[in-house]
Amino acid sequence: MRHSVIITKIDIYRFSIPMVPFTIATGTMDHAQNVFIRVHTDAGFYGVGECSAFPMIVGETQDTCLIMAKEFAGLWIGKDALDIEARLQQLHSFTSGNTTIKSAFDMALYDIAAKHAALPLYRFLGGEKRVVESDITIGIASPEMMAEKAIAFKKSGANILKVKLGKDAAGDIERVKQIREAVGEGLEIRIDANQGWSFDDAVFALQAIGQYHIAFCEQPMRTWYDDRLPELIKLSPVKIMADESVYNHHDARKQINSGSCAYINIKMAKSGGIFEAKQIHDLAAAKGIACMMGGMLESRIALSLKLHFVYASPNIKFYDMDTCMLGHLVDPCIGGVTYDGYKLNIADQPGIGADADEAFLEGCEKFTA
């Protein structure tokens, strides 16, 4: 087997996916601002990567991702794709942050490494398949509209609802009340405030919402109130999950050691990809803090990577992997994840097992390095 796989060129695509407008506390998106890359090698195969820019959360736009992708590509030409740590360190040494676009490059490296080993990525990572059932997300709207959406999801077979909140605390209480009354007690309800509440609003909302049997609340407050999370946890009947408060394993360590969360949401767009996500996962596992696999608005390409990672990450207990169900009007992926209702599966192809549809790529702006 070859001991090195040299990167020869990198194709970068503006990968915009039209979608039904989707609203959270920080804004509304009418298309997925994604970037897709192919990292070509001298071994006769390429690795694919995809990221989804969510500027209101991570601070990167599709345009910033494209600019940085061109910079990153120039660093990697002629380098060994199998030395994953060294390739990623090149990116970190070049620029801090920019975790969204870094995640696409990380993904491509892992795709190459698994293809080189002739293994599905989850097996390359030492994992095995298990049942993975996603929640389904209800965007912010009137309480009545959200309750109607909840009923529709229940009829479609959903067992777990994720409810977006964070606009106004009193209205949010009414939203949860109407949703719980609409679906009954059989469905699990998770809530996500997306940093929308102040400390006082969070206390008010969570104490009132607790009676509706909520599994957990993601990121109730802006990250600059992280120092008040231990206080909030003492006052809240609802468990708290850290999302925007944890980008990397150092953030995870601080959150866990300060008693600031019960759970952690791992997202590739925050961690910069699998390499850092695994460190978050392993640290949380050692501390008894269960994790969730989350995401932005990725297509089934990046979703496939996430499923492989879940299979290799036993401490991921919650699955928020519905991004492709949230109104994507086009599916630009071939191969990859399949849905059976709200359960996910993937065929045992080498690597990630997903790629972009050539017909879709023809309509995308392309850059090559």
Protein backbone atom coordinates (compact mmCIF):
# COMPACT_ATOMS: atom_id res chain seq x y z
CA MET A 1 0.00 0.00 0.00
CA ARG A 2 1.20 3.52 -0.79
CA HIS A 3 2.64 5.40 2.17
CA SER A 4 1.63 8.80 0.82
CA VAL A 5 -1.13 10.21 -1.36
CA ILE A 6 -0.16 13.53 -2.90
CA ILE A 7 -2.69 16.31 -3.48
CA THR A 8 -2.57 17.43 -7.13
CA LYS A 9 -5.42 19.94 -7.46
CA ILE A 10 -8.52 21.13 -5.64
CA ASP A 11 -11.86 22.07 -7.19
CA ILE A 12 -14.03 24.52 -5.23
CA TYR A 13 -17.73 25.11 -5.94
CA ARG A 14 -20.27 27.70 -4.81
CA PHE A 15 -22.83 25.12 -3.71
CA SER A 16 -26.05 27.09 -3.18
CA ILE A 17 -29.12 24.98 -2.42
CA PRO A 18 -32.51 26.72 -2.68
CA MET A 19 -34.84 26.01 0.21
CA VAL A 20 -38.09 26.95 1.84
CA PRO A 21 -37.34 29.93 4.16
CA PHE A 22 -36.32 28.69 7.61
CA THR A 23 -36.39 30.95 10.69
CA ILE A 24 -34.49 30.72 13.98
CA ALA A 25 -33.94 33.33 16.71
CA THR A 26 -31.02 34.92 14.86
CA GLY A 27 -32.47 35.18 11.36
CA THR A 28 -34.04 33.57 8.30
CA MET A 29 -32.33 31.58 5.52
CA ASP A 30 -33.86 31.07 2.05
CA HIS A 31 -30.98 29.03 0.63
CA ALA A 32 -28.21 26.91 2.07
CA GLN A 33 -24.95 28.86 1.69
CA ASN A 34 -22.75 25.82 1.08
CA VAL A 35 -19.34 25.20 -0.43
CA PHE A 36 -18.33 21.89 -2.02
CA ILE A 37 -14.76 20.79 -2.74
CA ARG A 38 -12.98 17.90 -4.41
CA VAL A 39 -9.39 17.27 -3.34
CA HIS A 40 -7.74 15.36 -6.20
CA THR A 41 -4.74 13.08 -5.63
CA ASP A 42 -2.07 11.20 -7.54
CA ALA A 43 -3.68 7.94 -6.38
CA GLY A 44 -6.44 8.23 -8.96
CA PHE A 45 -9.27 9.22 -6.62
CA TYR A 46 -10.44 12.39 -4.87
CA GLY A 47 -11.95 13.28 -1.53
CA VAL A 48 -15.13 15.33 -1.20
CA GLY A 49 -15.91 18.00 1.34
CA GLU A 50 -18.92 20.17 2.04
CA CYS A 51 -19.67 22.88 4.56
CA SER A 52 -22.71 25.04 5.23
CA ALA A 53 -22.09 28.67 6.17
CA PHE A 54 -24.52 30.02 8.77
CA PRO A 55 -23.31 33.62 9.25
CA MET A 56 -25.67 34.46 12.12
CA ILE A 57 -24.10 31.68 14.20
CA VAL A 58 -20.52 31.05 13.08
CA GLY A 59 -19.69 34.36 11.40
CA GLU A 60 -18.76 32.91 8.01
CA THR A 61 -20.62 33.51 4.76
CA GLN A 62 -20.48 31.52 1.56
CA ASP A 63 -18.21 34.22 0.09
CA THR A 64 -15.75 34.18 3.01
CA CYS A 65 -15.66 30.38 2.79
CA LEU A 66 -14.87 30.53 -0.93
CA ILE A 67 -12.07 33.06 -0.42
CA MET A 68 -10.50 31.01 2.37
CA ALA A 69 -10.94 27.78 0.37
CA LYS A 70 -8.76 29.23 -2.40
CA GLU A 71 -6.12 30.19 0.18
CA PHE A 72 -6.24 26.74 1.80
CA ALA A 73 -6.03 24.94 -1.54
CA GLY A 74 -2.79 26.71 -2.36
CA LEU A 75 -1.26 25.48 0.89
CA TRP A 76 -2.04 21.84 0.17
CA ILE A 77 -0.95 21.30 -3.44
CA GLY A 78 1.92 18.80 -3.51
CA LYS A 79 1.36 17.74 0.10
CA ASP A 80 0.48 14.31 1.56
CA ALA A 81 -3.26 13.93 2.11
CA LEU A 82 -2.77 11.00 4.49
CA ASP A 83 -0.98 13.16 7.08
CA ILE A 84 -4.28 14.56 8.33
CA GLU A 85 -2.94 16.27 11.44
CA ALA A 86 -0.19 18.08 9.50
CA ARG A 87 -2.58 19.22 6.77
CA LEU A 88 -5.04 20.61 9.31
CA GLN A 89 -2.26 22.28 11.28
CA GLN A 90 -1.28 24.09 8.06
CA LEU A 91 -4.75 25.61 7.97
CA HIS A 92 -4.69 26.54 11.67
CA SER A 93 -1.23 28.09 11.32
CA PHE A 94 -2.44 30.14 8.36
CA THR A 95 -5.58 31.50 10.07
CA SER A 96 -7.47 31.17 13.32
CA GLY A 97 -11.20 30.47 13.30
CA ASN A 98 -12.87 29.90 9.93
CA THR A 99 -14.05 26.53 11.25
CA THR A 100 -16.86 26.18 8.71
CA ILE A 101 -14.65 26.08 5.63
CA LYS A 102 -11.99 24.15 7.54
CA SER A 103 -14.59 21.42 8.10
CA ALA A 104 -14.93 20.85 4.33
CA PHE A 105 -11.17 20.37 3.99
CA ASP A 106 -11.08 18.06 7.02
CA MET A 107 -13.92 16.03 5.49
CA ALA A 108 -12.08 15.58 2.21
CA LEU A 109 -8.98 14.29 4.02
CA TYR A 110 -10.99 11.66 5.88
CA ASP A 111 -12.72 10.64 2.66
CA ILE A 112 -9.31 10.17 1.01
CA ALA A 113 -7.91 8.24 3.97
CA ALA A 114 -10.85 5.83 4.10
CA LYS A 115 -10.82 5.34 0.32
CA HIS A 116 -7.08 4.65 0.51
CA ALA A 117 -7.80 1.98 3.14
CA ALA A 118 -10.70 0.63 1.02
CA LEU A 119 -13.05 0.99 3.99
CA PRO A 120 -16.29 2.84 4.69
CA LEU A 121 -15.34 5.84 6.79
CA TYR A 122 -17.09 4.58 9.94
CA ARG A 123 -15.03 1.39 9.81
CA PHE A 124 -11.84 3.37 9.13
CA LEU A 125 -12.70 5.29 12.33
CA GLY A 126 -13.26 2.04 14.24
CA GLY A 127 -17.05 2.28 14.44
CA GLU A 128 -20.01 0.04 13.74
CA LYS A 129 -23.53 0.67 12.56
CA ARG A 130 -26.40 1.25 14.97
CA VAL A 131 -29.93 2.62 14.85
CA VAL A 132 -29.85 6.40 14.34
CA GLU A 133 -33.18 8.23 14.48
CA SER A 134 -33.20 11.96 13.87
CA ASP A 135 -35.42 14.58 15.37
CA ILE A 136 -37.23 17.01 13.06
CA THR A 137 -37.08 20.77 13.57
CA ILE A 138 -39.95 23.25 13.80
CA GLY A 139 -38.82 26.78 12.89
CA ILE A 140 -40.12 29.84 14.73
CA ALA A 141 -43.63 30.94 13.79
CA SER A 142 -46.87 31.67 15.64
CA PRO A 143 -47.78 29.13 18.36
CA GLU A 144 -50.71 27.98 16.24
CA MET A 145 -48.61 27.43 13.11
CA MET A 146 -45.92 25.60 15.07
CA ALA A 147 -48.55 23.34 16.67
CA GLU A 148 -49.96 22.54 13.22
CA LYS A 149 -46.46 21.68 11.99
CA ALA A 150 -45.96 19.44 15.03
CA ILE A 151 -49.17 17.54 14.25
CA ALA A 152 -48.05 17.08 10.64
CA PHE A 153 -44.66 15.74 11.74
CA LYS A 154 -46.34 13.36 14.19
CA LYS A 155 -48.55 12.03 11.40
CA SER A 156 -45.46 11.51 9.24
CA GLY A 157 -43.96 9.21 11.86
CA ALA A 158 -41.70 11.57 13.79
CA ASN A 159 -40.95 10.56 17.38
CA ILE A 160 -38.72 13.49 18.34
CA LEU A 161 -39.43 17.19 17.79
CA LYS A 162 -36.87 19.98 18.04
CA VAL A 163 -38.59 23.31 18.62
CA LYS A 164 -36.87 26.60 17.78
CA LEU A 165 -37.48 29.36 20.33
CA GLY A 166 -35.72 32.51 21.49
CA LYS A 167 -37.79 35.34 20.02
CA ASP A 168 -39.71 36.30 23.16
CA ALA A 169 -39.94 34.35 26.39
CA ALA A 170 -43.69 34.68 26.99
CA GLY A 171 -44.48 33.74 23.41
CA ASP A 172 -42.05 30.84 23.61
CA ILE A 173 -43.87 29.41 26.62
CA GLU A 174 -47.11 29.53 24.64
CA ARG A 175 -45.42 27.88 21.65
CA VAL A 176 -44.28 24.91 23.74
CA LYS A 177 -47.63 24.69 25.52
CA GLN A 178 -49.58 24.49 22.26
CA ILE A 179 -47.17 22.01 20.70
CA ARG A 180 -47.31 19.68 23.71
CA GLU A 181 -51.10 19.88 23.81
CA ALA A 182 -51.25 19.19 20.07
CA VAL A 183 -49.03 16.08 20.02
CA GLY A 184 -49.73 14.62 23.47
CA GLU A 185 -47.16 13.00 25.72
CA GLY A 186 -45.88 10.33 23.31
CA LEU A 187 -43.37 12.49 21.44
CA GLU A 188 -40.06 13.73 22.84
CA ILE A 189 -39.70 17.51 22.64
CA ARG A 190 -36.36 19.30 22.63
CA ILE A 191 -36.08 23.08 22.54
CA ASP A 192 -33.41 25.36 21.10
CA ALA A 193 -33.30 29.06 21.99
CA ASN A 194 -30.30 29.78 19.73
CA GLN A 195 -28.92 32.30 22.27
CA GLY A 196 -32.15 34.28 22.11
CA TRP A 197 -32.87 34.83 25.83
CA SER A 198 -31.38 37.03 28.51
CA PHE A 199 -30.62 35.37 31.85
CA ASP A 200 -33.92 36.55 33.36
CA ASP A 201 -35.88 35.46 30.28
CA ALA A 202 -34.20 32.06 30.38
CA VAL A 203 -35.12 31.53 34.03
CA PHE A 204 -38.70 32.67 33.36
CA ALA A 205 -39.14 30.56 30.22
CA LEU A 206 -37.48 27.37 31.45
CA GLN A 207 -39.30 27.34 34.77
CA ALA A 208 -42.63 27.68 32.94
CA ILE A 209 -41.75 25.23 30.16
CA GLY A 210 -40.52 22.54 32.54
CA GLN A 211 -44.05 21.25 33.12
CA TYR A 212 -44.26 20.17 29.46
CA HIS A 213 -41.66 17.40 29.84
CA ILE A 214 -38.80 18.81 27.78
CA ALA A 215 -35.74 16.63 27.13
CA PHE A 216 -33.32 19.58 27.13
CA CYS A 217 -32.80 23.18 26.04
CA GLU A 218 -29.99 24.07 23.68
CA GLN A 219 -28.04 27.29 24.18
CA PRO A 220 -30.54 29.46 26.08
CA MET A 221 -28.29 32.57 26.22
CA ARG A 222 -25.55 34.34 24.27
CA THR A 223 -22.11 32.91 24.91
CA TRP A 224 -21.01 36.03 26.77
CA TYR A 225 -23.31 34.89 29.59
CA ASP A 226 -21.56 31.52 29.91
CA ASP A 227 -20.43 32.51 33.40
CA ARG A 228 -24.11 32.53 34.47
CA LEU A 229 -24.89 29.04 33.19
CA PRO A 230 -24.12 27.28 36.51
CA GLU A 231 -26.62 29.63 38.17
CA LEU A 232 -29.21 29.02 35.45
CA ILE A 233 -28.81 25.24 35.75
CA LYS A 234 -29.67 25.43 39.47
CA LEU A 235 -32.87 27.34 38.66
CA SER A 236 -33.97 25.40 35.57
CA PRO A 237 -36.08 22.23 35.64
CA VAL A 238 -34.92 21.65 32.03
CA LYS A 239 -31.43 20.29 31.32
CA ILE A 240 -29.09 22.57 29.37
CA MET A 241 -27.17 21.55 26.23
CA ALA A 242 -24.18 23.65 25.13
CA ASP A 243 -24.12 24.50 21.43
CA GLU A 244 -22.51 27.82 20.46
CA SER A 245 -20.65 27.74 23.79
CA VAL A 246 -18.59 24.76 22.55
CA TYR A 247 -16.58 25.03 19.35
CA ASN A 248 -13.57 22.91 20.39
CA HIS A 249 -12.44 20.56 23.13
CA HIS A 250 -11.02 23.46 25.16
CA ASP A 251 -14.50 25.02 25.24
CA ALA A 252 -15.91 21.64 26.20
CA ARG A 253 -13.45 21.30 29.05
CA LYS A 254 -14.38 24.73 30.43
CA GLN A 255 -18.12 24.09 30.13
CA ILE A 256 -17.90 20.71 31.80
CA ASN A 257 -15.51 21.71 34.59
CA SER A 258 -17.61 24.76 35.49
CA GLY A 259 -20.82 22.71 35.66
CA SER A 260 -22.35 24.71 32.82
CA CYS A 261 -24.06 21.99 30.79
CA ALA A 262 -25.61 18.55 30.94
CA TYR A 263 -24.97 17.80 27.26
CA ILE A 264 -22.92 19.10 24.31
CA ASN A 265 -23.96 19.60 20.68
CA ILE A 266 -21.14 18.76 18.25
CA LYS A 267 -21.28 20.41 14.82
CA MET A 268 -18.64 20.10 12.12
CA ALA A 269 -19.09 23.77 11.19
CA LYS A 270 -18.03 24.72 14.72
CA SER A 271 -15.31 22.15 15.36
CA GLY A 272 -13.71 22.42 11.93
CA GLY A 273 -14.38 18.77 11.16
CA ILE A 274 -13.87 15.26 12.48
CA PHE A 275 -10.38 15.71 13.94
CA GLU A 276 -11.53 18.23 16.56
CA ALA A 277 -15.03 16.74 16.90
CA LYS A 278 -13.49 13.47 18.06
CA GLN A 279 -11.54 15.30 20.77
CA ILE A 280 -14.74 16.95 22.01
CA HIS A 281 -16.52 13.59 21.95
CA ASP A 282 -13.77 11.75 23.82
CA LEU A 283 -13.41 14.45 26.48
CA ALA A 284 -17.17 14.56 27.05
CA ALA A 285 -17.33 10.75 27.21
CA ALA A 286 -14.64 10.69 29.88
CA LYS A 287 -16.66 13.16 31.93
CA GLY A 288 -20.02 11.42 31.45
CA ILE A 289 -21.50 14.21 29.32
CA ALA A 290 -23.54 12.82 26.41
CA CYS A 291 -23.30 14.54 23.03
CA MET A 292 -25.60 15.31 20.11
CA MET A 293 -24.70 15.31 16.41
CA GLY A 294 -25.99 18.57 14.99
CA GLY A 295 -25.53 20.59 11.85
CA MET A 296 -26.33 23.66 9.81
CA LEU A 297 -28.00 23.29 6.39
CA GLU A 298 -25.76 20.66 4.82
CA SER A 299 -26.85 18.44 1.94
CA ARG A 300 -26.75 14.65 2.16
CA ILE A 301 -23.04 14.82 1.27
CA ALA A 302 -21.90 16.27 4.59
CA LEU A 303 -24.77 14.47 6.33
CA SER A 304 -23.16 11.22 5.20
CA LEU A 305 -19.92 12.21 6.92
CA LYS A 306 -21.85 12.96 10.10
CA LEU A 307 -23.52 9.55 10.06
CA HIS A 308 -20.13 7.83 9.69
CA PHE A 309 -18.87 9.89 12.64
CA VAL A 310 -21.91 8.94 14.73
CA TYR A 311 -21.31 5.24 14.04
CA ALA A 312 -17.76 5.69 15.37
CA SER A 313 -18.78 7.82 18.38
CA PRO A 314 -20.71 5.85 21.02
CA ASN A 315 -21.09 8.87 23.31
CA ILE A 316 -23.28 10.62 20.71
CA LYS A 317 -26.71 9.81 22.12
CA PHE A 318 -28.88 12.41 20.36
CA TYR A 319 -29.25 12.94 16.62
CA ASP A 320 -30.27 16.28 15.13
CA MET A 321 -29.68 15.16 11.55
CA ASP A 322 -32.69 16.51 9.70
CA THR A 323 -30.97 19.25 7.68
CA CYS A 324 -31.98 17.78 4.33
CA MET A 325 -35.59 17.54 5.49
CA LEU A 326 -35.78 21.25 6.30
CA GLY A 327 -37.08 22.37 2.97
CA HIS A 328 -34.17 21.77 0.59
CA LEU A 329 -35.82 22.18 -2.81
CA VAL A 330 -33.02 20.35 -4.65
CA ASP A 331 -30.99 17.26 -3.69
CA PRO A 332 -27.49 17.75 -5.17
CA CYS A 333 -26.12 14.46 -3.79
CA ILE A 334 -25.60 11.05 -5.37
CA GLY A 335 -25.09 8.03 -3.14
CA GLY A 336 -24.87 8.80 0.54
CA VAL A 337 -27.32 8.72 3.42
CA THR A 338 -30.81 7.35 2.95
CA TYR A 339 -33.81 8.03 5.17
CA ASP A 340 -36.26 5.37 6.29
CA GLY A 341 -38.81 7.67 7.86
CA TYR A 342 -36.61 9.49 10.37
CA LYS A 343 -34.00 6.73 10.61
CA LEU A 344 -30.72 7.06 8.72
CA ASN A 345 -28.58 4.45 6.98
CA ILE A 346 -25.76 4.35 4.45
CA ALA A 347 -24.31 1.71 2.12
CA ASP A 348 -20.86 0.29 2.75
CA GLN A 349 -18.93 2.14 0.05
CA PRO A 350 -15.27 3.13 0.51
CA GLY A 351 -14.84 6.53 2.09
CA ILE A 352 -17.87 8.70 2.77
CA GLY A 353 -19.85 7.10 -0.05
CA ALA A 354 -21.41 10.35 -1.27
CA ASP A 355 -20.63 12.81 -4.04
CA ALA A 356 -22.15 15.79 -5.83
CA ASP A 357 -24.42 15.33 -8.82
CA GLU A 358 -22.53 16.45 -11.95
CA ALA A 359 -25.66 17.99 -13.40
CA PHE A 360 -26.01 20.20 -10.29
CA LEU A 361 -22.31 21.14 -10.37
CA GLU A 362 -22.67 22.39 -13.95
CA GLY A 363 -24.75 25.25 -12.63
CA CYS A 364 -22.30 26.13 -9.84
CA GLU A 365 -19.53 28.73 -9.95
CA LYS A 366 -16.22 26.82 -9.92
CA PHE A 367 -12.65 27.64 -8.95
CA THR A 368 -9.62 25.32 -9.34
CA ALA A 369 -6.29 25.46 -7.53
